[in-house]
Amino acid sequence: MFPSEIEDVLVAYRGSGRDCEELASAIANLALFNSLDKYSVSPFQMEAQKAGLEHAGGKIDDITVVVAQAVASSSFTTPASLGSDLNAQIQKEKEKTY
């Protein structure tokens, strides 16, 4: 798939309330459809032509889609603060043993 095709799906789903799994399925289904379409222009077809090969349409292959959603959080703990908390806990344990 071309990046613009994935972007089109993202734009269509923006604000729809659908979850990441539904979005991933939509992208995977479009990739499957394109792979079976003997008349569509595809990145594989373009690269094959550059290499001097005749190929029409998509290419049937493994399809994997990963969709993640980044969410802002005010309770995020940075690794640095995790380290200082751990150091304080270690110090308390040392004080108990002496």
Protein backbone atom coordinates (compact mmCIF):
# COMPACT_ATOMS: atom_id res chain seq x y z
CA MET A 1 0.00 0.00 0.00
CA PHE A 2 1.01 3.56 -0.56
CA PRO A 3 1.32 5.69 2.59
CA SER A 4 -1.39 7.99 1.20
CA GLU A 5 -3.84 5.05 1.16
CA ILE A 6 -3.22 4.43 4.86
CA GLU A 7 -3.58 8.14 5.53
CA ASP A 8 -6.96 8.14 3.75
CA VAL A 9 -8.20 5.42 6.11
CA LEU A 10 -6.88 7.32 9.14
CA VAL A 11 -8.65 10.50 8.03
CA ALA A 12 -11.90 8.61 7.42
CA TYR A 13 -11.76 7.09 10.94
CA ARG A 14 -10.69 10.26 12.77
CA GLY A 15 -13.26 11.22 15.38
CA SER A 16 -15.46 8.22 14.58
CA GLY A 17 -15.15 6.71 18.05
CA ARG A 18 -13.89 3.45 16.59
CA ASP A 19 -11.05 1.69 18.39
CA CYS A 20 -7.56 0.73 17.24
CA GLU A 21 -8.63 -2.83 16.43
CA GLU A 22 -11.31 -1.61 14.01
CA LEU A 23 -8.85 0.78 12.38
CA ALA A 24 -6.25 -1.98 11.99
CA SER A 25 -8.88 -4.25 10.44
CA ALA A 26 -9.89 -1.54 7.97
CA ILE A 27 -6.27 -1.03 6.88
CA ALA A 28 -5.66 -4.80 6.64
CA ASN A 29 -8.84 -5.30 4.59
CA LEU A 30 -7.81 -2.56 2.18
CA ALA A 31 -4.34 -4.13 1.88
CA LEU A 32 -5.94 -7.50 1.12
CA PHE A 33 -8.28 -5.96 -1.46
CA ASN A 34 -5.36 -4.16 -3.13
CA SER A 35 -3.24 -7.32 -3.17
CA LEU A 36 -5.95 -9.16 -5.11
CA ASP A 37 -6.71 -6.31 -7.53
CA LYS A 38 -4.95 -7.04 -10.83
CA TYR A 39 -5.64 -3.55 -12.15
CA SER A 40 -4.58 -1.25 -9.31
CA VAL A 41 -1.28 0.58 -9.26
CA SER A 42 0.78 -0.64 -6.31
CA PRO A 43 4.21 0.05 -4.81
CA PHE A 44 5.20 -3.53 -5.72
CA GLN A 45 4.14 -3.03 -9.33
CA MET A 46 6.13 0.21 -9.58
CA GLU A 47 9.27 -1.39 -8.13
CA ALA A 48 8.89 -4.41 -10.43
CA GLN A 49 8.70 -2.12 -13.44
CA LYS A 50 11.84 -0.28 -12.29
CA ALA A 51 13.58 -3.68 -12.22
CA GLY A 52 12.37 -4.42 -15.75
CA LEU A 53 9.70 -6.93 -14.73
CA GLU A 54 6.12 -7.03 -15.96
CA HIS A 55 3.66 -7.10 -13.09
CA ALA A 56 0.11 -5.80 -12.93
CA GLY A 57 -1.76 -4.90 -9.76
CA GLY A 58 -0.99 -5.80 -6.19
CA LYS A 59 0.98 -8.65 -4.68
CA ILE A 60 -0.47 -11.31 -2.42
CA ASP A 61 1.70 -11.43 0.69
CA ASP A 62 1.54 -11.51 4.48
CA ILE A 63 -0.40 -8.57 5.88
CA THR A 64 0.35 -7.19 9.33
CA VAL A 65 -1.07 -3.97 10.73
CA VAL A 66 -0.23 -2.43 14.09
CA VAL A 67 -2.22 0.57 15.30
CA ALA A 68 -1.39 2.36 18.54
CA GLN A 69 -3.01 5.32 20.22
CA ALA A 70 -0.92 7.78 22.23
CA VAL A 71 -2.81 9.26 25.17
CA ALA A 72 -1.68 12.18 27.30
CA SER A 73 -1.55 11.47 31.01
CA SER A 74 -0.85 13.75 33.95
CA SER A 75 0.22 10.79 36.10
CA PHE A 76 3.19 9.84 33.94
CA THR A 77 6.29 8.91 35.93
CA THR A 78 9.62 9.56 34.27
CA PRO A 79 12.39 6.97 34.43
CA ALA A 80 14.52 9.45 36.41
CA SER A 81 11.92 9.73 39.16
CA LEU A 82 11.50 5.96 39.17
CA GLY A 83 15.21 5.71 39.86
CA SER A 84 15.09 8.17 42.76
CA ASP A 85 12.11 6.34 44.28
CA LEU A 86 14.01 3.08 44.00
CA ASN A 87 17.11 4.62 45.58
CA ALA A 88 15.02 5.93 48.50
CA GLN A 89 13.50 2.49 49.01
CA ILE A 90 16.95 0.84 48.94
CA GLN A 91 18.21 3.37 51.49
CA LYS A 92 15.28 2.60 53.83
CA GLU A 93 16.02 -1.12 53.60
CA LYS A 94 19.69 -0.51 54.39
CA GLU A 95 18.76 1.53 57.46
CA LYS A 96 16.59 -1.31 58.74
CA THR A 97 19.46 -3.79 58.62
CA TYR A 98 21.98 -1.62 60.47
